[in-house]
PDB file of all heavy atoms in Angstrom:
ATOM      1  N   SER A   1     -11.406  -6.593   3.667  1.00  0.00           N
ATOM      2  CA  SER A   1     -10.600  -6.588   4.858  1.00  0.00           C
ATOM      3  C   SER A   1     -11.278  -5.861   6.044  1.00  0.00           C
ATOM      4  O   SER A   1     -12.128  -4.998   5.807  1.00  0.00           O
ATOM      5  CB  SER A   1      -9.265  -5.851   4.561  1.00  0.00           C
ATOM      6  OG  SER A   1      -8.447  -5.780   5.711  1.00  0.00           O
ATOM      7  N   ARG A   2     -10.879  -6.265   7.238  1.00  0.00           N
ATOM      8  CA  ARG A   2     -11.155  -5.387   8.359  1.00  0.00           C
ATOM      9  C   ARG A   2     -10.301  -4.143   8.223  1.00  0.00           C
ATOM     10  O   ARG A   2      -9.129  -4.261   7.784  1.00  0.00           O
ATOM     11  CB  ARG A   2     -10.789  -6.112   9.685  1.00  0.00           C
ATOM     12  CG  ARG A   2     -11.793  -7.146  10.104  1.00  0.00           C
ATOM     13  CD  ARG A   2     -11.456  -7.746  11.451  1.00  0.00           C
ATOM     14  NE  ARG A   2     -10.192  -8.467  11.478  1.00  0.00           N
ATOM     15  CZ  ARG A   2      -9.125  -8.121  12.128  1.00  0.00           C
ATOM     16  NH1 ARG A   2      -9.097  -6.980  12.848  1.00  0.00           N
ATOM     17  NH2 ARG A   2      -8.011  -8.846  12.074  1.00  0.00           N
ATOM     18  N   LEU A   3     -10.845  -3.005   8.538  1.00  0.00           N
ATOM     19  CA  LEU A   3     -10.108  -1.758   8.385  1.00  0.00           C
ATOM     20  C   LEU A   3      -9.464  -1.360   9.691  1.00  0.00           C
ATOM     21  O   LEU A   3     -10.036  -0.629  10.499  1.00  0.00           O
ATOM     22  CB  LEU A   3     -11.055  -0.672   7.869  1.00  0.00           C
ATOM     23  CG  LEU A   3     -11.751  -0.994   6.560  1.00  0.00           C
ATOM     24  CD1 LEU A   3     -12.711   0.117   6.147  1.00  0.00           C
ATOM     25  CD2 LEU A   3     -10.759  -1.257   5.432  1.00  0.00           C
ATOM     26  N   THR A   4      -8.273  -1.915   9.907  1.00  0.00           N
ATOM     27  CA  THR A   4      -7.573  -1.681  11.138  1.00  0.00           C
ATOM     28  C   THR A   4      -6.076  -1.598  10.841  1.00  0.00           C
ATOM     29  O   THR A   4      -5.604  -2.033   9.795  1.00  0.00           O
ATOM     30  CB  THR A   4      -7.841  -2.825  12.150  1.00  0.00           C
ATOM     31  OG1 THR A   4      -7.075  -2.677  13.335  1.00  0.00           O
ATOM     32  CG2 THR A   4      -7.506  -4.180  11.518  1.00  0.00           C
ATOM     33  N   TRP A   5      -5.346  -0.973  11.751  1.00  0.00           N
ATOM     34  CA  TRP A   5      -3.908  -0.729  11.579  1.00  0.00           C
ATOM     35  C   TRP A   5      -3.157  -2.003  11.284  1.00  0.00           C
ATOM     36  O   TRP A   5      -2.162  -2.019  10.567  1.00  0.00           O
ATOM     37  CB  TRP A   5      -3.329  -0.035  12.813  1.00  0.00           C
ATOM     38  CG  TRP A   5      -3.540  -0.824  14.089  1.00  0.00           C
ATOM     39  CD1 TRP A   5      -4.625  -0.831  14.899  1.00  0.00           C
ATOM     40  CD2 TRP A   5      -2.629  -1.783  14.669  1.00  0.00           C
ATOM     41  NE1 TRP A   5      -4.458  -1.709  15.927  1.00  0.00           N
ATOM     42  CE2 TRP A   5      -3.237  -2.298  15.827  1.00  0.00           C
ATOM     43  CE3 TRP A   5      -1.385  -2.248  14.280  1.00  0.00           C
ATOM     44  CZ2 TRP A   5      -2.630  -3.253  16.641  1.00  0.00           C
ATOM     45  CZ3 TRP A   5      -0.752  -3.209  15.084  1.00  0.00           C
ATOM     46  CH2 TRP A   5      -1.385  -3.690  16.258  1.00  0.00           C
ATOM     47  N   GLN A   6      -3.595  -3.151  11.858  1.00  0.00           N
ATOM     48  CA  GLN A   6      -2.898  -4.435  11.683  1.00  0.00           C
ATOM     49  C   GLN A   6      -2.814  -4.780  10.180  1.00  0.00           C
ATOM     50  O   GLN A   6      -1.864  -5.448   9.736  1.00  0.00           O
ATOM     51  CB  GLN A   6      -3.577  -5.538  12.384  1.00  0.00           C
ATOM     52  CG  GLN A   6      -2.927  -6.926  12.186  1.00  0.00           C
ATOM     53  CD  GLN A   6      -3.883  -8.090  12.376  1.00  0.00           C
ATOM     54  OE1 GLN A   6      -4.856  -7.984  13.112  1.00  0.00           O
ATOM     55  NE2 GLN A   6      -3.632  -9.200  11.697  1.00  0.00           N
ATOM     56  N   LYS A   7      -3.816  -4.363   9.411  1.00  0.00           N
ATOM     57  CA  LYS A   7      -3.897  -4.755   8.024  1.00  0.00           C
ATOM     58  C   LYS A   7      -3.040  -3.867   7.103  1.00  0.00           C
ATOM     59  O   LYS A   7      -3.084  -4.007   5.872  1.00  0.00           O
ATOM     60  CB  LYS A   7      -5.348  -4.691   7.547  1.00  0.00           C
ATOM     61  CG  LYS A   7      -6.256  -5.683   8.294  1.00  0.00           C
ATOM     62  CD  LYS A   7      -5.784  -7.105   8.105  1.00  0.00           C
ATOM     63  CE  LYS A   7      -6.704  -8.095   8.808  1.00  0.00           C
ATOM     64  NZ  LYS A   7      -6.252  -9.513   8.636  1.00  0.00           N
ATOM     65  N   GLY A   8      -2.232  -2.976   7.698  1.00  0.00           N
ATOM     66  CA  GLY A   8      -1.360  -2.125   6.880  1.00  0.00           C
ATOM     67  C   GLY A   8      -2.034  -1.078   6.084  1.00  0.00           C
ATOM     68  O   GLY A   8      -1.744  -0.865   4.922  1.00  0.00           O
ATOM     69  N   THR A   9      -2.984  -0.385   6.736  1.00  0.00           N
ATOM     70  CA  THR A   9      -3.854   0.526   5.985  1.00  0.00           C
ATOM     71  C   THR A   9      -3.074   1.707   5.394  1.00  0.00           C
ATOM     72  O   THR A   9      -3.438   2.213   4.336  1.00  0.00           O
ATOM     73  CB  THR A   9      -5.004   1.044   6.854  1.00  0.00           C
ATOM     74  OG1 THR A   9      -4.488   1.466   8.117  1.00  0.00           O
ATOM     75  CG2 THR A   9      -6.010  -0.054   7.076  1.00  0.00           C
ATOM     76  N   ASP A  10      -1.993   2.168   6.022  1.00  0.00           N
ATOM     77  CA  ASP A  10      -1.207   3.225   5.430  1.00  0.00           C
ATOM     78  C   ASP A  10      -0.575   2.775   4.113  1.00  0.00           C
ATOM     79  O   ASP A  10      -0.488   3.534   3.160  1.00  0.00           O
ATOM     80  CB  ASP A  10      -0.185   3.797   6.391  1.00  0.00           C
ATOM     81  CG  ASP A  10       0.708   2.739   7.030  1.00  0.00           C
ATOM     82  OD1 ASP A  10       0.291   1.554   7.096  1.00  0.00           O
ATOM     83  OD2 ASP A  10       1.808   3.100   7.513  1.00  0.00           O
ATOM     84  N   LEU A  11      -0.153   1.522   4.079  1.00  0.00           N
ATOM     85  CA  LEU A  11       0.419   0.949   2.819  1.00  0.00           C
ATOM     86  C   LEU A  11      -0.705   0.756   1.773  1.00  0.00           C
ATOM     87  O   LEU A  11      -0.502   0.955   0.584  1.00  0.00           O
ATOM     88  CB  LEU A  11       1.127  -0.368   3.090  1.00  0.00           C
ATOM     89  CG  LEU A  11       2.243  -0.369   4.110  1.00  0.00           C
ATOM     90  CD1 LEU A  11       2.962  -1.719   4.113  1.00  0.00           C
ATOM     91  CD2 LEU A  11       3.235   0.754   3.870  1.00  0.00           C
ATOM     92  N   ILE A  12      -1.880   0.360   2.283  1.00  0.00           N
ATOM     93  CA  ILE A  12      -3.009   0.175   1.379  1.00  0.00           C
ATOM     94  C   ILE A  12      -3.326   1.473   0.641  1.00  0.00           C
ATOM     95  O   ILE A  12      -3.498   1.522  -0.590  1.00  0.00           O
ATOM     96  CB  ILE A  12      -4.209  -0.366   2.107  1.00  0.00           C
ATOM     97  CG1 ILE A  12      -4.020  -1.822   2.489  1.00  0.00           C
ATOM     98  CG2 ILE A  12      -5.517  -0.172   1.281  1.00  0.00           C
ATOM     99  CD1 ILE A  12      -5.078  -2.422   3.415  1.00  0.00           C
ATOM    100  N   PHE A  13      -3.377   2.562   1.409  1.00  0.00           N
ATOM    101  CA  PHE A  13      -3.703   3.863   0.785  1.00  0.00           C
ATOM    102  C   PHE A  13      -2.613   4.345  -0.166  1.00  0.00           C
ATOM    103  O   PHE A  13      -2.905   4.870  -1.213  1.00  0.00           O
ATOM    104  CB  PHE A  13      -3.985   4.900   1.878  1.00  0.00           C
ATOM    105  CG  PHE A  13      -5.333   4.769   2.455  1.00  0.00           C
ATOM    106  CD1 PHE A  13      -5.504   4.352   3.769  1.00  0.00           C
ATOM    107  CD2 PHE A  13      -6.507   5.035   1.703  1.00  0.00           C
ATOM    108  CE1 PHE A  13      -6.769   4.202   4.323  1.00  0.00           C
ATOM    109  CE2 PHE A  13      -7.751   4.883   2.251  1.00  0.00           C
ATOM    110  CZ  PHE A  13      -7.897   4.465   3.591  1.00  0.00           C
ATOM    111  N   ALA A  14      -1.359   4.063   0.177  1.00  0.00           N
ATOM    112  CA  ALA A  14      -0.265   4.449  -0.733  1.00  0.00           C
ATOM    113  C   ALA A  14      -0.416   3.712  -2.060  1.00  0.00           C
ATOM    114  O   ALA A  14      -0.294   4.308  -3.154  1.00  0.00           O
ATOM    115  CB  ALA A  14       1.106   4.121  -0.080  1.00  0.00           C
ATOM    116  N   MET A  15      -0.692   2.413  -1.995  1.00  0.00           N
ATOM    117  CA  MET A  15      -0.853   1.627  -3.243  1.00  0.00           C
ATOM    118  C   MET A  15      -2.148   1.996  -3.971  1.00  0.00           C
ATOM    119  O   MET A  15      -2.181   2.070  -5.185  1.00  0.00           O
ATOM    120  CB  MET A  15      -0.825   0.129  -2.916  1.00  0.00           C
ATOM    121  CG  MET A  15       0.544  -0.365  -2.468  1.00  0.00           C
ATOM    122  SD  MET A  15       0.641  -2.171  -2.440  1.00  0.00           S
ATOM    123  CE  MET A  15      -0.345  -2.522  -0.999  1.00  0.00           C
ATOM    124  N   ALA A  16      -3.229   2.238  -3.241  1.00  0.00           N
ATOM    125  CA  ALA A  16      -4.521   2.509  -3.844  1.00  0.00           C
ATOM    126  C   ALA A  16      -4.449   3.804  -4.638  1.00  0.00           C
ATOM    127  O   ALA A  16      -4.939   3.873  -5.798  1.00  0.00           O
ATOM    128  CB  ALA A  16      -5.586   2.614  -2.751  1.00  0.00           C
ATOM    129  N   TYR A  17      -3.856   4.852  -4.084  1.00  0.00           N
ATOM    130  CA  TYR A  17      -3.779   6.111  -4.810  1.00  0.00           C
ATOM    131  C   TYR A  17      -2.851   5.941  -6.030  1.00  0.00           C
ATOM    132  O   TYR A  17      -3.160   6.493  -7.131  1.00  0.00           O
ATOM    133  CB  TYR A  17      -3.262   7.235  -3.882  1.00  0.00           C
ATOM    134  CG  TYR A  17      -4.343   7.867  -3.097  1.00  0.00           C
ATOM    135  CD1 TYR A  17      -4.618   7.527  -1.799  1.00  0.00           C
ATOM    136  CD2 TYR A  17      -5.165   8.892  -3.681  1.00  0.00           C
ATOM    137  CE1 TYR A  17      -5.640   8.103  -1.071  1.00  0.00           C
ATOM    138  CE2 TYR A  17      -6.181   9.463  -2.971  1.00  0.00           C
ATOM    139  CZ  TYR A  17      -6.436   9.084  -1.657  1.00  0.00           C
ATOM    140  OH  TYR A  17      -7.462   9.668  -0.972  1.00  0.00           O
ATOM    141  N   GLU A  18      -1.771   5.194  -5.854  1.00  0.00           N
ATOM    142  CA  GLU A  18      -0.842   4.984  -7.003  1.00  0.00           C
ATOM    143  C   GLU A  18      -1.597   4.292  -8.175  1.00  0.00           C
ATOM    144  O   GLU A  18      -1.500   4.685  -9.334  1.00  0.00           O
ATOM    145  CB  GLU A  18       0.361   4.169  -6.559  1.00  0.00           C
ATOM    146  CG  GLU A  18       1.312   3.743  -7.653  1.00  0.00           C
ATOM    147  CD  GLU A  18       2.190   4.900  -8.156  1.00  0.00           C
ATOM    148  OE1 GLU A  18       2.123   5.997  -7.567  1.00  0.00           O
ATOM    149  OE2 GLU A  18       2.908   4.686  -9.150  1.00  0.00           O
ATOM    150  N   LEU A  19      -2.309   3.198  -7.831  1.00  0.00           N
ATOM    151  CA  LEU A  19      -2.992   2.435  -8.842  1.00  0.00           C
ATOM    152  C   LEU A  19      -4.195   3.155  -9.447  1.00  0.00           C
ATOM    153  O   LEU A  19      -4.421   3.116 -10.636  1.00  0.00           O
ATOM    154  CB  LEU A  19      -3.361   1.069  -8.283  1.00  0.00           C
ATOM    155  CG  LEU A  19      -2.221   0.160  -7.888  1.00  0.00           C
ATOM    156  CD1 LEU A  19      -2.689  -1.038  -7.081  1.00  0.00           C
ATOM    157  CD2 LEU A  19      -1.491  -0.358  -9.156  1.00  0.00           C
ATOM    158  N   ALA A  20      -4.916   3.874  -8.594  1.00  0.00           N
ATOM    159  CA  ALA A  20      -6.048   4.646  -9.089  1.00  0.00           C
ATOM    160  C   ALA A  20      -5.585   5.728 -10.035  1.00  0.00           C
ATOM    161  O   ALA A  20      -6.196   6.034 -11.056  1.00  0.00           O
ATOM    162  CB  ALA A  20      -6.877   5.200  -7.948  1.00  0.00           C
ATOM    163  N   ASN A  21      -4.453   6.359  -9.698  1.00  0.00           N
ATOM    164  CA  ASN A  21      -3.877   7.415 -10.555  1.00  0.00           C
ATOM    165  C   ASN A  21      -3.451   6.898 -11.893  1.00  0.00           C
ATOM    166  O   ASN A  21      -3.406   7.609 -12.914  1.00  0.00           O
ATOM    167  CB  ASN A  21      -2.718   8.080  -9.819  1.00  0.00           C
ATOM    168  CG  ASN A  21      -2.295   9.366 -10.456  1.00  0.00           C
ATOM    169  OD1 ASN A  21      -3.095  10.233 -10.776  1.00  0.00           O
ATOM    170  ND2 ASN A  21      -0.997   9.520 -10.712  1.00  0.00           N
ATOM    171  N   LYS A  22      -3.129   5.573 -11.945  1.00  0.00           N
ATOM    172  CA  LYS A  22      -2.723   4.968 -13.213  1.00  0.00           C
ATOM    173  C   LYS A  22      -3.944   4.510 -14.041  1.00  0.00           C
ATOM    174  O   LYS A  22      -3.811   4.005 -15.118  1.00  0.00           O
ATOM    175  CB  LYS A  22      -1.842   3.758 -12.952  1.00  0.00           C
ATOM    176  CG  LYS A  22      -0.428   4.095 -12.467  1.00  0.00           C
ATOM    177  CD  LYS A  22       0.356   2.813 -12.224  1.00  0.00           C
ATOM    178  CE  LYS A  22       1.800   3.169 -11.799  1.00  0.00           C
ATOM    179  NZ  LYS A  22       2.604   3.739 -12.901  1.00  0.00           N
ATOM    180  N   GLY A  23      -5.119   4.689 -13.464  1.00  0.00           N
ATOM    181  CA  GLY A  23      -6.377   4.325 -14.193  1.00  0.00           C
ATOM    182  C   GLY A  23      -6.942   2.996 -13.821  1.00  0.00           C
ATOM    183  O   GLY A  23      -7.912   2.528 -14.461  1.00  0.00           O
ATOM    184  N   CYS A  24      -6.434   2.357 -12.812  1.00  0.00           N
ATOM    185  CA  CYS A  24      -6.989   1.069 -12.381  1.00  0.00           C
ATOM    186  C   CYS A  24      -8.390   1.289 -11.727  1.00  0.00           C
ATOM    187  O   CYS A  24      -8.645   2.285 -11.123  1.00  0.00           O
ATOM    188  CB  CYS A  24      -6.094   0.383 -11.362  1.00  0.00           C
ATOM    189  SG  CYS A  24      -4.483  -0.130 -12.021  1.00  0.00           S
ATOM    190  N   ASN A  25      -9.221   0.274 -11.871  1.00  0.00           N
ATOM    191  CA  ASN A  25     -10.432   0.204 -11.054  1.00  0.00           C
ATOM    192  C   ASN A  25     -10.098  -0.379  -9.673  1.00  0.00           C
ATOM    193  O   ASN A  25      -9.279  -1.301  -9.594  1.00  0.00           O
ATOM    194  CB  ASN A  25     -11.486  -0.687 -11.727  1.00  0.00           C
ATOM    195  CG  ASN A  25     -12.050  -0.039 -12.948  1.00  0.00           C
ATOM    196  OD1 ASN A  25     -11.822  -0.501 -14.092  1.00  0.00           O
ATOM    197  ND2 ASN A  25     -12.859   1.017 -12.801  1.00  0.00           N
ATOM    198  N   LEU A  26     -10.751   0.116  -8.656  1.00  0.00           N
ATOM    199  CA  LEU A  26     -10.611  -0.457  -7.313  1.00  0.00           C
ATOM    200  C   LEU A  26     -11.987  -0.763  -6.766  1.00  0.00           C
ATOM    201  O   LEU A  26     -12.901   0.099  -6.864  1.00  0.00           O
ATOM    202  CB  LEU A  26      -9.884   0.493  -6.374  1.00  0.00           C
ATOM    203  CG  LEU A  26      -8.336   0.515  -6.392  1.00  0.00           C
ATOM    204  CD1 LEU A  26      -7.871   1.284  -7.610  1.00  0.00           C
ATOM    205  CD2 LEU A  26      -7.778   1.081  -5.124  1.00  0.00           C
ATOM    206  N   CYS A  27     -12.173  -1.952  -6.196  1.00  0.00           N
ATOM    207  CA  CYS A  27     -13.410  -2.333  -5.491  1.00  0.00           C
ATOM    208  C   CYS A  27     -13.016  -2.771  -4.098  1.00  0.00           C
ATOM    209  O   CYS A  27     -12.298  -3.738  -3.944  1.00  0.00           O
ATOM    210  CB  CYS A  27     -14.133  -3.459  -6.220  1.00  0.00           C
ATOM    211  SG  CYS A  27     -14.866  -2.914  -7.793  1.00  0.00           S
ATOM    212  N   ILE A  28     -13.511  -2.011  -3.083  1.00  0.00           N
ATOM    213  CA  ILE A  28     -13.052  -2.202  -1.721  1.00  0.00           C
ATOM    214  C   ILE A  28     -14.244  -2.473  -0.805  1.00  0.00           C
ATOM    215  O   ILE A  28     -15.245  -1.741  -0.831  1.00  0.00           O
ATOM    216  CB  ILE A  28     -12.266  -0.943  -1.250  1.00  0.00           C
ATOM    217  CG1 ILE A  28     -11.033  -0.756  -2.099  1.00  0.00           C
ATOM    218  CG2 ILE A  28     -11.912  -1.058   0.237  1.00  0.00           C
ATOM    219  CD1 ILE A  28     -10.280   0.521  -1.835  1.00  0.00           C
ATOM    220  N   LEU A  29     -14.150  -3.514  -0.011  1.00  0.00           N
ATOM    221  CA  LEU A  29     -15.161  -3.895   0.948  1.00  0.00           C
ATOM    222  C   LEU A  29     -14.519  -4.030   2.312  1.00  0.00           C
ATOM    223  O   LEU A  29     -13.538  -4.747   2.492  1.00  0.00           O
ATOM    224  CB  LEU A  29     -15.798  -5.251   0.539  1.00  0.00           C
ATOM    225  CG  LEU A  29     -16.653  -6.001   1.562  1.00  0.00           C
ATOM    226  CD1 LEU A  29     -17.893  -5.208   1.883  1.00  0.00           C
ATOM    227  CD2 LEU A  29     -17.003  -7.381   1.038  1.00  0.00           C
ATOM    228  N   GLY A  30     -15.073  -3.314   3.315  1.00  0.00           N
ATOM    229  CA  GLY A  30     -14.521  -3.435   4.646  1.00  0.00           C
ATOM    230  C   GLY A  30     -15.167  -2.517   5.647  1.00  0.00           C
ATOM    231  O   GLY A  30     -15.953  -1.630   5.288  1.00  0.00           O
ATOM    232  N   SER A  31     -14.881  -2.772   6.913  1.00  0.00           N
ATOM    233  CA  SER A  31     -15.341  -1.881   7.974  1.00  0.00           C
ATOM    234  C   SER A  31     -14.380  -1.983   9.128  1.00  0.00           C
ATOM    235  O   SER A  31     -13.627  -2.954   9.212  1.00  0.00           O
ATOM    236  CB  SER A  31     -16.771  -2.270   8.445  1.00  0.00           C
ATOM    237  OG  SER A  31     -16.750  -3.539   9.031  1.00  0.00           O
ATOM    238  N   GLY A  32     -14.408  -0.979   9.976  1.00  0.00           N
ATOM    239  CA  GLY A  32     -13.489  -0.984  11.102  1.00  0.00           C
ATOM    240  C   GLY A  32     -13.334   0.386  11.734  1.00  0.00           C
ATOM    241  O   GLY A  32     -14.323   1.032  12.064  1.00  0.00           O
ATOM    242  N   GLU A  33     -12.120   0.877  11.774  1.00  0.00           N
ATOM    243  CA  GLU A  33     -11.845   2.111  12.461  1.00  0.00           C
ATOM    244  C   GLU A  33     -12.409   3.279  11.659  1.00  0.00           C
ATOM    245  O   GLU A  33     -12.192   3.360  10.409  1.00  0.00           O
ATOM    246  CB  GLU A  33     -10.316   2.260  12.628  1.00  0.00           C
ATOM    247  CG  GLU A  33      -9.735   1.175  13.552  1.00  0.00           C
ATOM    248  CD  GLU A  33      -8.216   1.126  13.525  1.00  0.00           C
ATOM    249  OE1 GLU A  33      -7.589   2.126  13.100  1.00  0.00           O
ATOM    250  OE2 GLU A  33      -7.660   0.094  13.954  1.00  0.00           O
ATOM    251  N   TYR A  34     -13.096   4.161  12.346  1.00  0.00           N
ATOM    252  CA  TYR A  34     -13.836   5.257  11.668  1.00  0.00           C
ATOM    253  C   TYR A  34     -12.896   6.125  10.812  1.00  0.00           C
ATOM    254  O   TYR A  34     -13.271   6.483   9.670  1.00  0.00           O
ATOM    255  CB  TYR A  34     -14.489   6.144  12.716  1.00  0.00           C
ATOM    256  CG  TYR A  34     -15.237   7.321  12.149  1.00  0.00           C
ATOM    257  CD1 TYR A  34     -16.467   7.167  11.509  1.00  0.00           C
ATOM    258  CD2 TYR A  34     -14.711   8.623  12.240  1.00  0.00           C
ATOM    259  CE1 TYR A  34     -17.168   8.242  10.964  1.00  0.00           C
ATOM    260  CE2 TYR A  34     -15.364   9.723  11.702  1.00  0.00           C
ATOM    261  CZ  TYR A  34     -16.587   9.504  11.071  1.00  0.00           C
ATOM    262  OH  TYR A  34     -17.258  10.611  10.540  1.00  0.00           O
ATOM    263  N   GLN A  35     -11.730   6.437  11.286  1.00  0.00           N
ATOM    264  CA  GLN A  35     -10.794   7.296  10.546  1.00  0.00           C
ATOM    265  C   GLN A  35     -10.401   6.651   9.228  1.00  0.00           C
ATOM    266  O   GLN A  35     -10.307   7.326   8.188  1.00  0.00           O
ATOM    267  CB  GLN A  35      -9.562   7.558  11.380  1.00  0.00           C
ATOM    268  CG  GLN A  35      -8.563   8.491  10.699  1.00  0.00           C
ATOM    269  CD  GLN A  35      -7.303   8.735  11.536  1.00  0.00           C
ATOM    270  OE1 GLN A  35      -7.127   8.116  12.594  1.00  0.00           O
ATOM    271  NE2 GLN A  35      -6.456   9.616  11.080  1.00  0.00           N
ATOM    272  N   ILE A  36     -10.222   5.333   9.230  1.00  0.00           N
ATOM    273  CA  ILE A  36      -9.848   4.659   8.001  1.00  0.00           C
ATOM    274  C   ILE A  36     -11.024   4.619   7.030  1.00  0.00           C
ATOM    275  O   ILE A  36     -10.867   4.788   5.821  1.00  0.00           O
ATOM    276  CB  ILE A  36      -9.349   3.199   8.328  1.00  0.00           C
ATOM    277  CG1 ILE A  36      -8.137   3.252   9.198  1.00  0.00           C
ATOM    278  CG2 ILE A  36      -9.044   2.454   7.023  1.00  0.00           C
ATOM    279  CD1 ILE A  36      -7.696   1.902   9.760  1.00  0.00           C
ATOM    280  N   GLU A  37     -12.224   4.396   7.558  1.00  0.00           N
ATOM    281  CA  GLU A  37     -13.427   4.438   6.721  1.00  0.00           C
ATOM    282  C   GLU A  37     -13.550   5.795   6.011  1.00  0.00           C
ATOM    283  O   GLU A  37     -13.896   5.864   4.840  1.00  0.00           O
ATOM    284  CB  GLU A  37     -14.663   4.139   7.527  1.00  0.00           C
ATOM    285  CG  GLU A  37     -14.736   2.710   8.050  1.00  0.00           C
ATOM    286  CD  GLU A  37     -15.970   2.447   8.890  1.00  0.00           C
ATOM    287  OE1 GLU A  37     -16.741   3.427   9.135  1.00  0.00           O
ATOM    288  OE2 GLU A  37     -16.152   1.319   9.319  1.00  0.00           O
ATOM    289  N   GLN A  38     -13.253   6.872   6.749  1.00  0.00           N
ATOM    290  CA  GLN A  38     -13.339   8.202   6.171  1.00  0.00           C
ATOM    291  C   GLN A  38     -12.268   8.427   5.106  1.00  0.00           C
ATOM    292  O   GLN A  38     -12.498   9.104   4.107  1.00  0.00           O
ATOM    293  CB  GLN A  38     -13.229   9.255   7.294  1.00  0.00           C
ATOM    294  CG  GLN A  38     -14.411   9.284   8.215  1.00  0.00           C
ATOM    295  CD  GLN A  38     -15.735   9.424   7.462  1.00  0.00           C
ATOM    296  OE1 GLN A  38     -15.956  10.445   6.819  1.00  0.00           O
ATOM    297  NE2 GLN A  38     -16.587   8.434   7.564  1.00  0.00           N
ATOM    298  N   GLN A  39     -11.106   7.839   5.291  1.00  0.00           N
ATOM    299  CA  GLN A  39     -10.061   7.922   4.273  1.00  0.00           C
ATOM    300  C   GLN A  39     -10.474   7.237   2.980  1.00  0.00           C
ATOM    301  O   GLN A  39     -10.176   7.677   1.871  1.00  0.00           O
ATOM    302  CB  GLN A  39      -8.756   7.338   4.780  1.00  0.00           C
ATOM    303  CG  GLN A  39      -8.030   8.156   5.807  1.00  0.00           C
ATOM    304  CD  GLN A  39      -6.748   7.500   6.307  1.00  0.00           C
ATOM    305  OE1 GLN A  39      -6.745   6.658   7.191  1.00  0.00           O
ATOM    306  NE2 GLN A  39      -5.650   7.839   5.658  1.00  0.00           N
ATOM    307  N   LEU A  40     -11.225   6.125   3.127  1.00  0.00           N
ATOM    308  CA  LEU A  40     -11.721   5.432   1.978  1.00  0.00           C
ATOM    309  C   LEU A  40     -12.767   6.292   1.226  1.00  0.00           C
ATOM    310  O   LEU A  40     -12.786   6.332   0.038  1.00  0.00           O
ATOM    311  CB  LEU A  40     -12.354   4.098   2.375  1.00  0.00           C
ATOM    312  CG  LEU A  40     -11.400   2.944   2.657  1.00  0.00           C
ATOM    313  CD1 LEU A  40     -12.173   1.689   3.087  1.00  0.00           C
ATOM    314  CD2 LEU A  40     -10.530   2.609   1.434  1.00  0.00           C
ATOM    315  N   GLU A  41     -13.605   6.936   1.987  1.00  0.00           N
ATOM    316  CA  GLU A  41     -14.590   7.852   1.359  1.00  0.00           C
ATOM    317  C   GLU A  41     -13.910   8.964   0.579  1.00  0.00           C
ATOM    318  O   GLU A  41     -14.347   9.348  -0.491  1.00  0.00           O
ATOM    319  CB  GLU A  41     -15.562   8.430   2.422  1.00  0.00           C
ATOM    320  CG  GLU A  41     -16.401   7.380   3.098  1.00  0.00           C
ATOM    321  CD  GLU A  41     -17.490   6.792   2.180  1.00  0.00           C
ATOM    322  OE1 GLU A  41     -17.548   7.138   0.986  1.00  0.00           O
ATOM    323  OE2 GLU A  41     -18.243   5.937   2.656  1.00  0.00           O
ATOM    324  N   LYS A  42     -12.797   9.453   1.119  1.00  0.00           N
ATOM    325  CA  LYS A  42     -12.044  10.463   0.423  1.00  0.00           C
ATOM    326  C   LYS A  42     -11.441   9.942  -0.867  1.00  0.00           C
ATOM    327  O   LYS A  42     -11.440  10.621  -1.909  1.00  0.00           O
ATOM    328  CB  LYS A  42     -10.926  11.011   1.342  1.00  0.00           C
ATOM    329  CG  LYS A  42     -10.114  12.142   0.730  1.00  0.00           C
ATOM    330  CD  LYS A  42      -9.056  12.625   1.701  1.00  0.00           C
ATOM    331  CE  LYS A  42      -8.193  13.724   1.044  1.00  0.00           C
ATOM    332  NZ  LYS A  42      -7.130  14.192   1.983  1.00  0.00           N
ATOM    333  N   LEU A  43     -10.952   8.676  -0.825  1.00  0.00           N
ATOM    334  CA  LEU A  43     -10.398   8.022  -2.037  1.00  0.00           C
ATOM    335  C   LEU A  43     -11.520   7.931  -3.091  1.00  0.00           C
ATOM    336  O   LEU A  43     -11.267   8.254  -4.261  1.00  0.00           O
ATOM    337  CB  LEU A  43      -9.875   6.655  -1.683  1.00  0.00           C
ATOM    338  CG  LEU A  43      -9.418   5.774  -2.841  1.00  0.00           C
ATOM    339  CD1 LEU A  43      -8.181   6.338  -3.521  1.00  0.00           C
ATOM    340  CD2 LEU A  43      -9.116   4.334  -2.351  1.00  0.00           C
ATOM    341  N   ARG A  44     -12.667   7.483  -2.691  1.00  0.00           N
ATOM    342  CA  ARG A  44     -13.797   7.391  -3.653  1.00  0.00           C
ATOM    343  C   ARG A  44     -14.171   8.758  -4.246  1.00  0.00           C
ATOM    344  O   ARG A  44     -14.416   8.850  -5.434  1.00  0.00           O
ATOM    345  CB  ARG A  44     -15.001   6.736  -2.984  1.00  0.00           C
ATOM    346  CG  ARG A  44     -16.212   6.773  -3.892  1.00  0.00           C
ATOM    347  CD  ARG A  44     -17.350   5.819  -3.442  1.00  0.00           C
ATOM    348  NE  ARG A  44     -17.757   6.027  -2.100  1.00  0.00           N
ATOM    349  CZ  ARG A  44     -18.650   5.257  -1.481  1.00  0.00           C
ATOM    350  NH1 ARG A  44     -19.205   4.253  -2.155  1.00  0.00           N
ATOM    351  NH2 ARG A  44     -19.016   5.479  -0.257  1.00  0.00           N
ATOM    352  N   ALA A  45     -14.183   9.788  -3.374  1.00  0.00           N
ATOM    353  CA  ALA A  45     -14.510  11.123  -3.856  1.00  0.00           C
ATOM    354  C   ALA A  45     -13.496  11.617  -4.854  1.00  0.00           C
ATOM    355  O   ALA A  45     -13.852  12.367  -5.783  1.00  0.00           O
ATOM    356  CB  ALA A  45     -14.640  12.062  -2.660  1.00  0.00           C
ATOM    357  N   THR A  46     -12.250  11.206  -4.702  1.00  0.00           N
ATOM    358  CA  THR A  46     -11.193  11.647  -5.619  1.00  0.00           C
ATOM    359  C   THR A  46     -11.302  10.961  -6.937  1.00  0.00           C
ATOM    360  O   THR A  46     -10.991  11.538  -8.012  1.00  0.00           O
ATOM    361  CB  THR A  46      -9.802  11.366  -4.996  1.00  0.00           C
ATOM    362  OG1 THR A  46      -9.718  11.984  -3.689  1.00  0.00           O
ATOM    363  CG2 THR A  46      -8.680  11.900  -5.857  1.00  0.00           C
TER     364      THR A  46
END
C-alpha cells in the first residue's frame, strides 16, 4: 500500500498489533508519509 491517511493507517496499526500479538507473521511493503513509515519501523522493532 501507499502509506497515507486515505488507506486507513490507524486501523491498519490497530489490526497489525492485534494479529502480531497473536503470533501471526506480517509482511508489509509500502512508502509514503514519514510518520507512518516510522510507526512501521516501531512495529518491526516490537
